[in-house]
N, C-alpha and C. Protein backbone atom coordinates (compact mmCIF):
# COMPACT_ATOMS: atom_id res chain seq x y z
N MET A 1 -9.19 -3.20 -22.78
CA MET A 1 -9.31 -2.22 -21.70
C MET A 1 -8.22 -2.48 -20.66
N LYS A 2 -7.49 -1.44 -20.29
CA LYS A 2 -6.40 -1.58 -19.34
C LYS A 2 -6.94 -1.83 -17.94
N LYS A 3 -6.40 -2.83 -17.26
CA LYS A 3 -6.83 -3.18 -15.92
C LYS A 3 -6.32 -2.16 -14.91
N SER A 4 -7.20 -1.69 -14.03
CA SER A 4 -6.82 -0.70 -13.03
C SER A 4 -5.99 -1.35 -11.93
N LYS A 5 -4.96 -0.63 -11.48
CA LYS A 5 -4.14 -1.11 -10.37
C LYS A 5 -4.67 -0.63 -9.02
N THR A 6 -5.59 0.34 -9.07
CA THR A 6 -6.08 0.91 -7.82
C THR A 6 -7.34 0.23 -7.30
N PHE A 7 -8.05 -0.51 -8.15
CA PHE A 7 -9.28 -1.17 -7.71
C PHE A 7 -9.69 -2.24 -8.72
N ASN A 8 -10.20 -3.36 -8.19
CA ASN A 8 -10.69 -4.44 -9.03
C ASN A 8 -12.00 -4.96 -8.44
N LEU A 9 -13.10 -4.67 -9.12
CA LEU A 9 -14.43 -5.07 -8.65
C LEU A 9 -14.56 -6.58 -8.53
N HIS A 10 -13.75 -7.31 -9.28
CA HIS A 10 -13.87 -8.78 -9.31
C HIS A 10 -12.67 -9.45 -8.64
N CYS A 11 -12.01 -8.74 -7.76
CA CYS A 11 -10.83 -9.29 -7.08
C CYS A 11 -11.23 -10.49 -6.21
N THR A 12 -10.44 -11.56 -6.30
CA THR A 12 -10.67 -12.76 -5.48
C THR A 12 -9.36 -13.22 -4.84
N LYS A 13 -8.47 -12.28 -4.55
CA LYS A 13 -7.17 -12.63 -4.02
C LYS A 13 -7.23 -13.19 -2.59
N CYS A 14 -8.28 -12.87 -1.87
CA CYS A 14 -8.43 -13.35 -0.50
C CYS A 14 -9.57 -14.37 -0.45
N PRO A 15 -9.27 -15.66 -0.42
CA PRO A 15 -10.30 -16.71 -0.48
C PRO A 15 -11.38 -16.57 0.59
N ARG A 16 -10.99 -16.28 1.82
CA ARG A 16 -11.98 -16.17 2.90
C ARG A 16 -12.96 -15.04 2.64
N LEU A 17 -12.47 -13.90 2.20
CA LEU A 17 -13.33 -12.76 1.92
C LEU A 17 -14.22 -13.01 0.71
N SER A 18 -13.65 -13.62 -0.32
CA SER A 18 -14.42 -13.91 -1.53
C SER A 18 -15.59 -14.84 -1.23
N GLN A 19 -15.33 -15.88 -0.44
CA GLN A 19 -16.39 -16.83 -0.10
C GLN A 19 -17.43 -16.17 0.80
N PHE A 20 -16.97 -15.31 1.70
CA PHE A 20 -17.90 -14.62 2.59
C PHE A 20 -18.85 -13.72 1.79
N LEU A 21 -18.32 -13.05 0.77
CA LEU A 21 -19.17 -12.20 -0.06
C LEU A 21 -20.20 -13.02 -0.84
N VAL A 22 -19.80 -14.20 -1.27
CA VAL A 22 -20.75 -15.11 -1.95
C VAL A 22 -21.87 -15.49 -0.99
N ASP A 23 -21.50 -15.83 0.23
CA ASP A 23 -22.50 -16.21 1.23
C ASP A 23 -23.43 -15.05 1.56
N VAL A 24 -22.87 -13.86 1.68
CA VAL A 24 -23.68 -12.68 1.98
C VAL A 24 -24.64 -12.37 0.83
N LYS A 25 -24.15 -12.52 -0.40
CA LYS A 25 -25.00 -12.26 -1.57
C LYS A 25 -26.16 -13.24 -1.63
N ASN A 26 -25.91 -14.48 -1.25
CA ASN A 26 -26.98 -15.48 -1.23
C ASN A 26 -28.04 -15.14 -0.19
N GLU A 27 -27.58 -14.58 0.93
CA GLU A 27 -28.51 -14.22 2.00
C GLU A 27 -29.19 -12.89 1.74
N HIS A 28 -28.47 -11.98 1.07
CA HIS A 28 -29.01 -10.65 0.76
C HIS A 28 -28.82 -10.36 -0.74
N PRO A 29 -29.68 -10.89 -1.59
CA PRO A 29 -29.50 -10.76 -3.05
C PRO A 29 -29.44 -9.33 -3.56
N ASP A 30 -30.03 -8.39 -2.81
CA ASP A 30 -30.06 -7.01 -3.26
C ASP A 30 -28.84 -6.21 -2.79
N TYR A 31 -27.93 -6.84 -2.06
CA TYR A 31 -26.73 -6.15 -1.58
C TYR A 31 -25.67 -6.08 -2.68
N HIS A 32 -24.81 -5.08 -2.60
CA HIS A 32 -23.67 -4.96 -3.51
C HIS A 32 -22.77 -6.19 -3.39
N ALA A 33 -22.34 -6.51 -2.18
CA ALA A 33 -21.60 -7.74 -1.85
C ALA A 33 -20.44 -8.03 -2.81
N LYS A 34 -19.67 -7.01 -3.09
CA LYS A 34 -18.46 -7.11 -3.90
C LYS A 34 -17.44 -6.14 -3.31
N PRO A 35 -16.21 -6.15 -3.80
CA PRO A 35 -15.29 -5.10 -3.38
C PRO A 35 -15.92 -3.72 -3.60
N VAL A 36 -15.75 -2.83 -2.64
CA VAL A 36 -16.37 -1.50 -2.71
C VAL A 36 -15.38 -0.49 -3.27
N PRO A 37 -15.73 0.16 -4.37
CA PRO A 37 -14.80 1.11 -4.99
C PRO A 37 -14.65 2.39 -4.19
N PRO A 38 -13.53 3.08 -4.36
CA PRO A 38 -13.37 4.40 -3.76
C PRO A 38 -14.44 5.34 -4.31
N PHE A 39 -14.73 6.39 -3.56
CA PHE A 39 -15.77 7.33 -3.96
C PHE A 39 -15.24 8.76 -3.84
N GLY A 40 -15.41 9.53 -4.89
CA GLY A 40 -15.00 10.93 -4.85
C GLY A 40 -14.16 11.34 -6.04
N GLU A 41 -13.40 12.40 -5.88
CA GLU A 41 -12.62 12.95 -6.98
C GLU A 41 -11.33 12.16 -7.22
N ASP A 42 -10.91 12.13 -8.47
CA ASP A 42 -9.70 11.38 -8.83
C ASP A 42 -8.44 12.02 -8.25
N LYS A 43 -8.41 13.35 -8.19
CA LYS A 43 -7.25 14.07 -7.67
C LYS A 43 -7.70 14.93 -6.48
N PRO A 44 -7.97 14.30 -5.36
CA PRO A 44 -8.51 15.05 -4.22
C PRO A 44 -7.44 15.82 -3.45
N LYS A 45 -7.89 16.79 -2.70
CA LYS A 45 -7.00 17.48 -1.76
C LYS A 45 -6.99 16.75 -0.42
N LEU A 46 -8.07 15.98 -0.18
CA LEU A 46 -8.20 15.20 1.04
C LEU A 46 -8.59 13.77 0.69
N LEU A 47 -7.79 12.80 1.11
CA LEU A 47 -8.11 11.38 0.94
C LEU A 47 -8.41 10.80 2.31
N ILE A 48 -9.60 10.24 2.48
CA ILE A 48 -9.99 9.61 3.73
C ILE A 48 -9.87 8.10 3.57
N VAL A 49 -9.15 7.46 4.49
CA VAL A 49 -8.94 6.01 4.44
C VAL A 49 -9.61 5.37 5.65
N GLY A 50 -10.62 4.54 5.40
CA GLY A 50 -11.29 3.80 6.45
C GLY A 50 -10.71 2.40 6.57
N LEU A 51 -11.36 1.56 7.36
CA LEU A 51 -10.89 0.19 7.54
C LEU A 51 -11.40 -0.73 6.45
N ALA A 52 -12.72 -0.97 6.43
CA ALA A 52 -13.32 -1.90 5.47
C ALA A 52 -14.82 -1.62 5.39
N PRO A 53 -15.49 -2.10 4.35
CA PRO A 53 -16.94 -1.91 4.23
C PRO A 53 -17.69 -2.55 5.40
N GLY A 54 -18.78 -1.93 5.83
CA GLY A 54 -19.65 -2.50 6.86
C GLY A 54 -20.70 -3.39 6.22
N MET A 55 -21.14 -4.39 6.95
CA MET A 55 -22.10 -5.37 6.43
C MET A 55 -23.34 -4.72 5.81
N HIS A 56 -24.00 -3.86 6.58
CA HIS A 56 -25.25 -3.25 6.11
C HIS A 56 -25.05 -1.80 5.66
N GLY A 57 -23.79 -1.42 5.48
CA GLY A 57 -23.47 -0.10 4.99
C GLY A 57 -22.92 -0.18 3.59
N ALA A 58 -21.60 0.05 3.45
CA ALA A 58 -20.98 0.05 2.13
C ALA A 58 -21.13 -1.28 1.41
N ASN A 59 -21.09 -2.38 2.14
CA ASN A 59 -21.26 -3.69 1.51
C ASN A 59 -22.64 -3.82 0.88
N ALA A 60 -23.61 -3.15 1.47
CA ALA A 60 -24.98 -3.20 0.93
C ALA A 60 -25.18 -2.20 -0.19
N THR A 61 -24.65 -0.98 -0.03
CA THR A 61 -24.93 0.10 -0.97
C THR A 61 -23.91 0.25 -2.08
N GLY A 62 -22.67 -0.21 -1.83
CA GLY A 62 -21.63 -0.06 -2.82
C GLY A 62 -20.90 1.28 -2.77
N ARG A 63 -21.15 2.07 -1.73
CA ARG A 63 -20.45 3.34 -1.54
C ARG A 63 -19.88 3.38 -0.12
N PRO A 64 -18.62 3.79 0.05
CA PRO A 64 -18.01 3.83 1.37
C PRO A 64 -18.82 4.65 2.37
N PHE A 65 -18.99 4.09 3.57
CA PHE A 65 -19.64 4.78 4.68
C PHE A 65 -21.07 5.23 4.35
N THR A 66 -21.77 4.45 3.58
CA THR A 66 -23.13 4.80 3.20
C THR A 66 -24.10 3.70 3.62
N GLY A 67 -25.06 4.06 4.47
CA GLY A 67 -26.06 3.10 4.91
C GLY A 67 -25.86 2.59 6.32
N ASP A 68 -24.78 3.01 6.99
CA ASP A 68 -24.57 2.55 8.36
C ASP A 68 -24.27 3.73 9.29
N HIS A 69 -24.12 3.44 10.57
CA HIS A 69 -23.96 4.47 11.58
C HIS A 69 -22.70 5.29 11.36
N ALA A 70 -21.61 4.65 10.98
CA ALA A 70 -20.33 5.35 10.83
C ALA A 70 -20.41 6.49 9.83
N GLY A 71 -21.24 6.33 8.82
CA GLY A 71 -21.34 7.35 7.78
C GLY A 71 -22.10 8.59 8.20
N ILE A 72 -22.93 8.47 9.24
CA ILE A 72 -23.74 9.61 9.66
C ILE A 72 -22.86 10.78 10.07
N LEU A 73 -21.94 10.54 10.99
CA LEU A 73 -21.05 11.60 11.46
C LEU A 73 -20.07 12.01 10.37
N LEU A 74 -19.57 11.04 9.60
CA LEU A 74 -18.58 11.37 8.57
C LEU A 74 -19.14 12.33 7.53
N TYR A 75 -20.27 12.00 6.92
CA TYR A 75 -20.80 12.83 5.85
C TYR A 75 -21.32 14.18 6.38
N LYS A 76 -21.84 14.18 7.59
CA LYS A 76 -22.28 15.45 8.18
C LYS A 76 -21.09 16.38 8.36
N THR A 77 -19.97 15.82 8.82
CA THR A 77 -18.77 16.62 9.04
C THR A 77 -18.15 17.05 7.72
N LEU A 78 -18.15 16.17 6.73
CA LEU A 78 -17.66 16.53 5.40
C LEU A 78 -18.43 17.72 4.85
N PHE A 79 -19.74 17.71 5.02
CA PHE A 79 -20.58 18.80 4.53
C PHE A 79 -20.27 20.10 5.28
N GLU A 80 -20.11 20.01 6.58
CA GLU A 80 -19.84 21.19 7.40
C GLU A 80 -18.53 21.88 7.02
N PHE A 81 -17.57 21.09 6.54
CA PHE A 81 -16.27 21.66 6.20
C PHE A 81 -16.05 21.80 4.69
N GLY A 82 -17.13 21.72 3.94
CA GLY A 82 -17.08 22.02 2.52
C GLY A 82 -16.55 20.93 1.63
N PHE A 83 -16.53 19.69 2.11
CA PHE A 83 -16.03 18.58 1.31
C PHE A 83 -17.14 17.74 0.67
N SER A 84 -18.39 18.09 0.93
CA SER A 84 -19.52 17.33 0.38
C SER A 84 -20.67 18.27 0.04
N SER A 85 -21.43 17.88 -0.97
CA SER A 85 -22.56 18.72 -1.40
C SER A 85 -23.81 18.50 -0.53
N LYS A 86 -23.82 17.42 0.24
CA LYS A 86 -24.95 17.11 1.12
C LYS A 86 -24.42 16.53 2.42
N GLU A 87 -25.22 16.63 3.48
CA GLU A 87 -24.77 16.15 4.78
C GLU A 87 -25.16 14.70 5.06
N LYS A 88 -25.85 14.06 4.11
CA LYS A 88 -26.25 12.68 4.30
C LYS A 88 -26.08 11.90 3.01
N SER A 89 -25.43 10.75 3.11
CA SER A 89 -25.26 9.86 1.96
C SER A 89 -26.29 8.74 2.05
N ASP A 90 -27.24 8.73 1.11
CA ASP A 90 -28.34 7.78 1.17
C ASP A 90 -28.06 6.50 0.38
N SER A 91 -27.50 6.65 -0.81
CA SER A 91 -27.25 5.49 -1.67
C SER A 91 -26.18 5.84 -2.69
N ALA A 92 -25.70 4.82 -3.37
CA ALA A 92 -24.63 5.03 -4.35
C ALA A 92 -25.10 5.80 -5.57
N ASP A 93 -26.41 5.88 -5.78
CA ASP A 93 -26.93 6.58 -6.96
C ASP A 93 -27.70 7.86 -6.61
N ASP A 94 -27.47 8.41 -5.40
CA ASP A 94 -28.07 9.70 -5.10
C ASP A 94 -27.22 10.80 -5.75
N ASP A 95 -27.56 12.06 -5.51
CA ASP A 95 -26.86 13.15 -6.19
C ASP A 95 -25.77 13.77 -5.33
N LEU A 96 -25.34 13.10 -4.28
CA LEU A 96 -24.27 13.63 -3.43
C LEU A 96 -22.95 13.63 -4.18
N LYS A 97 -22.21 14.73 -4.06
CA LYS A 97 -20.89 14.84 -4.68
C LYS A 97 -19.87 15.23 -3.61
N LEU A 98 -18.72 14.61 -3.67
CA LEU A 98 -17.63 15.03 -2.80
C LEU A 98 -16.84 16.15 -3.49
N ILE A 99 -16.34 17.08 -2.70
CA ILE A 99 -15.64 18.26 -3.21
C ILE A 99 -14.20 18.23 -2.71
N ASP A 100 -13.25 18.13 -3.65
CA ASP A 100 -11.83 18.05 -3.29
C ASP A 100 -11.55 16.89 -2.34
N CYS A 101 -12.33 15.84 -2.41
CA CYS A 101 -12.25 14.76 -1.43
C CYS A 101 -12.50 13.40 -2.07
N LYS A 102 -11.91 12.38 -1.49
CA LYS A 102 -12.11 11.01 -1.92
C LYS A 102 -12.10 10.11 -0.69
N ILE A 103 -12.94 9.08 -0.70
CA ILE A 103 -13.00 8.13 0.41
C ILE A 103 -12.68 6.73 -0.10
N THR A 104 -11.81 6.04 0.61
CA THR A 104 -11.47 4.67 0.26
C THR A 104 -11.33 3.86 1.54
N ASN A 105 -10.99 2.59 1.40
CA ASN A 105 -10.78 1.73 2.56
C ASN A 105 -9.47 0.97 2.43
N ALA A 106 -8.88 0.65 3.57
CA ALA A 106 -7.66 -0.15 3.58
C ALA A 106 -7.92 -1.54 3.03
N VAL A 107 -9.10 -2.08 3.33
CA VAL A 107 -9.55 -3.38 2.81
C VAL A 107 -10.84 -3.14 2.05
N LYS A 108 -10.89 -3.55 0.81
CA LYS A 108 -12.02 -3.19 -0.06
C LYS A 108 -13.22 -4.12 0.08
N CYS A 109 -13.03 -5.29 0.72
CA CYS A 109 -14.12 -6.27 0.87
C CYS A 109 -14.59 -6.37 2.31
N LEU A 110 -15.85 -6.67 2.49
CA LEU A 110 -16.41 -6.90 3.81
C LEU A 110 -15.75 -8.10 4.48
N PRO A 111 -15.16 -7.93 5.66
CA PRO A 111 -14.59 -9.08 6.38
C PRO A 111 -15.58 -9.64 7.41
N PRO A 112 -15.56 -10.92 7.66
CA PRO A 112 -16.41 -11.48 8.71
C PRO A 112 -16.16 -10.79 10.04
N GLN A 113 -17.24 -10.43 10.73
CA GLN A 113 -17.17 -9.78 12.04
C GLN A 113 -16.37 -8.47 11.99
N ASN A 114 -16.30 -7.88 10.81
CA ASN A 114 -15.58 -6.61 10.62
C ASN A 114 -14.11 -6.70 11.01
N LYS A 115 -13.53 -7.90 10.90
CA LYS A 115 -12.13 -8.09 11.31
C LYS A 115 -11.33 -8.78 10.20
N PRO A 116 -10.67 -8.01 9.35
CA PRO A 116 -9.79 -8.62 8.34
C PRO A 116 -8.55 -9.18 9.00
N THR A 117 -7.99 -10.22 8.42
CA THR A 117 -6.75 -10.79 8.94
C THR A 117 -5.56 -9.94 8.48
N ALA A 118 -4.43 -10.15 9.11
CA ALA A 118 -3.22 -9.42 8.72
C ALA A 118 -2.86 -9.71 7.27
N ILE A 119 -3.04 -10.94 6.86
CA ILE A 119 -2.73 -11.31 5.47
C ILE A 119 -3.65 -10.57 4.51
N GLU A 120 -4.93 -10.50 4.83
CA GLU A 120 -5.89 -9.82 3.96
C GLU A 120 -5.59 -8.32 3.87
N ILE A 121 -5.21 -7.74 4.98
CA ILE A 121 -4.84 -6.32 4.98
C ILE A 121 -3.62 -6.09 4.09
N ASN A 122 -2.66 -6.99 4.18
CA ASN A 122 -1.44 -6.86 3.37
C ASN A 122 -1.71 -7.06 1.89
N VAL A 123 -2.59 -8.01 1.56
CA VAL A 123 -2.93 -8.26 0.16
C VAL A 123 -3.57 -7.03 -0.46
N CYS A 124 -4.51 -6.42 0.26
CA CYS A 124 -5.22 -5.26 -0.26
C CYS A 124 -4.36 -4.00 -0.23
N ASN A 125 -3.26 -4.05 0.51
CA ASN A 125 -2.39 -2.89 0.60
C ASN A 125 -1.79 -2.49 -0.74
N GLU A 126 -1.71 -3.46 -1.65
CA GLU A 126 -1.20 -3.16 -2.99
C GLU A 126 -2.10 -2.16 -3.69
N TYR A 127 -3.42 -2.34 -3.56
CA TYR A 127 -4.37 -1.40 -4.17
C TYR A 127 -4.23 -0.02 -3.53
N LEU A 128 -4.12 0.01 -2.20
CA LEU A 128 -3.97 1.30 -1.52
C LEU A 128 -2.68 1.99 -1.93
N GLY A 129 -1.63 1.21 -2.10
CA GLY A 129 -0.36 1.79 -2.54
C GLY A 129 -0.48 2.49 -3.88
N HIS A 130 -1.18 1.87 -4.82
CA HIS A 130 -1.38 2.49 -6.13
C HIS A 130 -2.28 3.72 -6.03
N GLU A 131 -3.27 3.66 -5.13
CA GLU A 131 -4.12 4.84 -4.92
C GLU A 131 -3.30 6.02 -4.42
N LEU A 132 -2.42 5.75 -3.46
CA LEU A 132 -1.61 6.83 -2.88
C LEU A 132 -0.61 7.38 -3.89
N SER A 133 -0.05 6.50 -4.70
CA SER A 133 0.93 6.96 -5.69
C SER A 133 0.29 7.81 -6.77
N ALA A 134 -1.02 7.69 -6.95
CA ALA A 134 -1.73 8.47 -7.97
C ALA A 134 -2.17 9.84 -7.47
N LEU A 135 -1.98 10.10 -6.18
CA LEU A 135 -2.41 11.36 -5.60
C LEU A 135 -1.48 12.50 -5.98
N LYS A 136 -1.99 13.71 -5.88
CA LYS A 136 -1.14 14.88 -6.02
C LYS A 136 -0.16 14.90 -4.85
N THR A 137 0.99 15.51 -5.05
CA THR A 137 2.04 15.45 -4.04
C THR A 137 1.66 16.13 -2.73
N ASN A 138 0.74 17.08 -2.76
CA ASN A 138 0.41 17.81 -1.53
C ASN A 138 -0.92 17.39 -0.91
N THR A 139 -1.39 16.20 -1.21
CA THR A 139 -2.66 15.72 -0.68
C THR A 139 -2.58 15.45 0.82
N VAL A 140 -3.63 15.79 1.54
CA VAL A 140 -3.75 15.46 2.95
C VAL A 140 -4.46 14.11 3.06
N ILE A 141 -3.89 13.19 3.83
CA ILE A 141 -4.48 11.87 4.01
C ILE A 141 -5.02 11.78 5.43
N LEU A 142 -6.25 11.36 5.56
CA LEU A 142 -6.88 11.20 6.87
C LEU A 142 -7.16 9.72 7.12
N ALA A 143 -6.52 9.15 8.14
CA ALA A 143 -6.70 7.74 8.46
C ALA A 143 -7.68 7.60 9.62
N LEU A 144 -8.73 6.83 9.38
CA LEU A 144 -9.74 6.60 10.42
C LEU A 144 -9.43 5.28 11.13
N GLY A 145 -8.75 5.38 12.26
CA GLY A 145 -8.42 4.20 13.05
C GLY A 145 -7.01 3.70 12.83
N GLY A 146 -6.56 2.86 13.75
CA GLY A 146 -5.19 2.38 13.74
C GLY A 146 -4.83 1.51 12.56
N ILE A 147 -5.75 0.65 12.11
CA ILE A 147 -5.45 -0.22 10.98
C ILE A 147 -5.30 0.60 9.70
N ALA A 148 -6.18 1.56 9.50
CA ALA A 148 -6.07 2.44 8.33
C ALA A 148 -4.75 3.20 8.37
N HIS A 149 -4.39 3.68 9.55
CA HIS A 149 -3.13 4.40 9.71
C HIS A 149 -1.94 3.52 9.33
N LYS A 150 -1.88 2.32 9.88
CA LYS A 150 -0.77 1.41 9.59
C LYS A 150 -0.75 1.01 8.12
N SER A 151 -1.93 0.90 7.52
CA SER A 151 -2.00 0.53 6.10
C SER A 151 -1.42 1.64 5.22
N VAL A 152 -1.69 2.89 5.58
CA VAL A 152 -1.14 4.01 4.83
C VAL A 152 0.38 4.04 4.95
N ILE A 153 0.88 3.87 6.17
CA ILE A 153 2.33 3.88 6.40
C ILE A 153 3.00 2.75 5.61
N LYS A 154 2.40 1.57 5.63
CA LYS A 154 2.96 0.44 4.88
C LYS A 154 2.93 0.70 3.39
N ALA A 155 1.81 1.24 2.89
CA ALA A 155 1.66 1.49 1.46
C ALA A 155 2.66 2.52 0.96
N LEU A 156 3.08 3.41 1.84
CA LEU A 156 4.06 4.43 1.48
C LEU A 156 5.49 3.96 1.73
N ASP A 157 5.61 2.71 2.19
CA ASP A 157 6.92 2.11 2.46
C ASP A 157 7.71 2.90 3.50
N LEU A 158 7.00 3.34 4.54
CA LEU A 158 7.62 4.05 5.65
C LEU A 158 7.70 3.14 6.87
N LYS A 159 8.44 3.55 7.88
CA LYS A 159 8.62 2.73 9.07
C LYS A 159 7.53 3.05 10.10
N GLN A 160 6.84 1.99 10.56
CA GLN A 160 5.74 2.17 11.50
C GLN A 160 6.18 2.88 12.77
N LYS A 161 7.36 2.57 13.26
CA LYS A 161 7.82 3.15 14.53
C LYS A 161 8.02 4.67 14.45
N ASP A 162 8.19 5.16 13.25
CA ASP A 162 8.40 6.60 13.07
C ASP A 162 7.09 7.38 13.02
N TYR A 163 5.97 6.66 12.93
CA TYR A 163 4.66 7.31 12.78
C TYR A 163 3.63 6.63 13.68
N PRO A 164 3.71 6.81 14.99
CA PRO A 164 2.74 6.19 15.90
C PRO A 164 1.35 6.81 15.75
N PHE A 165 0.32 5.98 15.82
CA PHE A 165 -1.05 6.47 15.71
C PHE A 165 -1.44 7.24 16.97
N SER A 166 -2.06 8.41 16.77
CA SER A 166 -2.58 9.20 17.88
C SER A 166 -3.65 10.14 17.34
N HIS A 167 -4.77 10.18 18.01
CA HIS A 167 -5.90 10.97 17.51
C HIS A 167 -5.56 12.44 17.31
N ASN A 168 -5.93 12.95 16.16
CA ASN A 168 -5.76 14.34 15.74
C ASN A 168 -4.30 14.79 15.72
N VAL A 169 -3.41 13.85 15.52
CA VAL A 169 -2.00 14.18 15.33
C VAL A 169 -1.70 14.20 13.84
N CYS A 170 -0.96 15.19 13.41
CA CYS A 170 -0.58 15.32 12.00
C CYS A 170 0.87 14.89 11.81
N HIS A 171 1.07 13.97 10.88
CA HIS A 171 2.41 13.48 10.57
C HIS A 171 2.85 14.03 9.21
N PRO A 172 3.86 14.86 9.15
CA PRO A 172 4.41 15.28 7.86
C PRO A 172 5.02 14.07 7.15
N LEU A 173 4.70 13.91 5.89
CA LEU A 173 5.22 12.81 5.09
C LEU A 173 6.11 13.36 3.99
N SER A 174 6.60 12.49 3.15
CA SER A 174 7.38 12.94 2.00
C SER A 174 6.48 13.56 0.95
N LYS A 175 7.08 14.24 -0.02
CA LYS A 175 6.36 14.85 -1.14
C LYS A 175 5.30 15.86 -0.69
N GLN A 176 5.58 16.58 0.40
CA GLN A 176 4.70 17.64 0.91
C GLN A 176 3.35 17.12 1.37
N ARG A 177 3.23 15.83 1.61
CA ARG A 177 1.97 15.27 2.08
C ARG A 177 1.92 15.27 3.60
N HIS A 178 0.69 15.21 4.13
CA HIS A 178 0.49 15.10 5.57
C HIS A 178 -0.51 13.97 5.85
N LEU A 179 -0.27 13.26 6.92
CA LEU A 179 -1.19 12.21 7.38
C LEU A 179 -1.76 12.64 8.72
N ILE A 180 -3.08 12.72 8.80
CA ILE A 180 -3.76 13.06 10.05
C ILE A 180 -4.49 11.81 10.54
N ASP A 181 -4.36 11.53 11.83
CA ASP A 181 -5.04 10.38 12.43
C ASP A 181 -6.32 10.79 13.13
N SER A 182 -7.30 9.89 13.11
CA SER A 182 -8.52 10.09 13.89
C SER A 182 -9.02 8.74 14.36
N TYR A 183 -9.64 8.73 15.54
CA TYR A 183 -10.37 7.53 15.92
C TYR A 183 -11.44 7.30 14.88
N HIS A 184 -11.76 6.04 14.63
CA HIS A 184 -12.79 5.71 13.64
C HIS A 184 -14.15 6.19 14.13
N CYS A 185 -14.96 6.65 13.19
CA CYS A 185 -16.30 7.17 13.53
C CYS A 185 -17.32 6.04 13.62
N SER A 186 -16.96 4.95 14.26
CA SER A 186 -17.83 3.79 14.40
C SER A 186 -18.89 4.04 15.47
N ARG A 187 -19.91 3.22 15.46
CA ARG A 187 -20.97 3.33 16.47
C ARG A 187 -20.39 3.18 17.88
N TYR A 188 -19.49 2.20 18.04
CA TYR A 188 -18.90 1.95 19.35
C TYR A 188 -18.14 3.19 19.85
N ASN A 189 -17.31 3.76 18.99
CA ASN A 189 -16.50 4.90 19.41
C ASN A 189 -17.34 6.14 19.72
N THR A 190 -18.37 6.36 18.94
CA THR A 190 -19.20 7.55 19.18
C THR A 190 -20.12 7.37 20.38
N GLN A 191 -20.64 6.16 20.57
CA GLN A 191 -21.55 5.94 21.69
C GLN A 191 -20.82 5.89 23.03
N THR A 192 -19.57 5.44 23.02
CA THR A 192 -18.78 5.41 24.25
C THR A 192 -18.07 6.74 24.49
N LYS A 193 -18.24 7.70 23.57
CA LYS A 193 -17.63 9.03 23.66
C LYS A 193 -16.11 9.00 23.50
N ARG A 194 -15.58 7.89 23.01
CA ARG A 194 -14.16 7.90 22.69
C ARG A 194 -13.91 8.93 21.58
N LEU A 195 -14.91 9.03 20.69
CA LEU A 195 -14.88 10.05 19.65
C LEU A 195 -16.16 10.85 19.73
N THR A 196 -16.04 12.13 20.02
CA THR A 196 -17.20 13.01 20.07
C THR A 196 -17.26 13.85 18.80
N THR A 197 -18.40 14.46 18.57
CA THR A 197 -18.55 15.32 17.39
C THR A 197 -17.52 16.46 17.39
N PRO A 198 -17.32 17.17 18.50
CA PRO A 198 -16.29 18.23 18.50
C PRO A 198 -14.89 17.69 18.22
N MET A 199 -14.57 16.49 18.72
CA MET A 199 -13.26 15.89 18.46
C MET A 199 -13.08 15.63 16.96
N PHE A 200 -14.14 15.13 16.34
CA PHE A 200 -14.07 14.82 14.90
C PHE A 200 -13.99 16.11 14.10
N GLN A 201 -14.71 17.11 14.52
CA GLN A 201 -14.66 18.41 13.84
C GLN A 201 -13.26 19.01 13.92
N ASP A 202 -12.59 18.82 15.05
CA ASP A 202 -11.23 19.34 15.19
C ASP A 202 -10.27 18.70 14.19
N VAL A 203 -10.48 17.42 13.91
CA VAL A 203 -9.66 16.72 12.91
C VAL A 203 -9.83 17.37 11.54
N PHE A 204 -11.07 17.60 11.16
CA PHE A 204 -11.34 18.20 9.85
C PHE A 204 -10.94 19.67 9.81
N ARG A 205 -11.02 20.33 10.93
CA ARG A 205 -10.57 21.72 10.99
C ARG A 205 -9.07 21.79 10.70
N GLN A 206 -8.32 20.82 11.26
CA GLN A 206 -6.88 20.79 11.00
C GLN A 206 -6.60 20.46 9.53
N ALA A 207 -7.35 19.51 8.98
CA ALA A 207 -7.16 19.14 7.57
C ALA A 207 -7.45 20.33 6.65
N ARG A 208 -8.54 21.03 6.92
CA ARG A 208 -8.91 22.19 6.10
C ARG A 208 -7.86 23.28 6.20
N LYS A 209 -7.32 23.50 7.38
CA LYS A 209 -6.31 24.52 7.57
C LYS A 209 -5.05 24.21 6.77
N ILE A 210 -4.63 22.93 6.78
CA ILE A 210 -3.45 22.52 6.03
C ILE A 210 -3.68 22.70 4.53
N ILE A 211 -4.86 22.31 4.06
CA ILE A 211 -5.18 22.43 2.64
C ILE A 211 -5.17 23.89 2.21
N GLU A 212 -5.77 24.76 3.02
CA GLU A 212 -5.81 26.18 2.67
C GLU A 212 -4.43 26.82 2.73
N THR A 213 -3.61 26.37 3.66
CA THR A 213 -2.23 26.89 3.76
C THR A 213 -1.44 26.50 2.52
N LYS A 214 -1.62 25.25 2.07
CA LYS A 214 -0.93 24.79 0.87
C LYS A 214 -1.37 25.60 -0.34
N ALA A 215 -2.68 25.88 -0.41
CA ALA A 215 -3.21 26.63 -1.56
C ALA A 215 -2.64 28.04 -1.59
N THR A 216 -2.50 28.65 -0.41
CA THR A 216 -1.94 30.00 -0.33
C THR A 216 -0.49 30.05 -0.78
N ARG A 217 0.26 29.02 -0.42
CA ARG A 217 1.68 28.98 -0.76
C ARG A 217 1.91 28.80 -2.25
N THR A 218 0.94 28.20 -2.94
CA THR A 218 1.11 27.96 -4.38
C THR A 218 0.65 29.11 -5.24
N LYS A 219 0.05 30.11 -4.63
CA LYS A 219 -0.42 31.26 -5.41
C LYS A 219 0.72 32.19 -5.77
């Protein structure tokens, strides 16, 4: 069986993260506690890139943004804009389907205190790079937060200074792709109103508009 370059469920390239997952599994035997695979369509029109799995969310369920606060707003918004079959993601084995959409993370393993090191981000960037290279040329990429944004720019071998992170800003990329930035839909950001529901909806409204414009041009 050919080994995938985009994801490895048994990856142990980062010793600190690997040991942390072992410790978490010992404490929570029913948790996924492994690298979390991307979720959604293989050839999406929209790729969402988060930071890393949450302790009691994706790390527990095995599906990105599922089981924690950050996923509540994300999946509700995905449903509102036609990218999901349901507005709530309950578990990795429910019947929710993403439509023209895929969700992944810059770092596939749960980091201690939700803070991966620069080295760990760089190591996992190889997987993200292969994910991006497998996309259709006109895919819209949505980065949730500054680290996800920088990871996408690095994976595409672009210069960080040419693409500064800014909420709801769209960056034209090569190969007819676009990168849209958003503040992360974390509990902290939503409770402090750094990111409100209307702000998040505006991000997806822009993504949907770009996707529909691209579809019209190809007809």
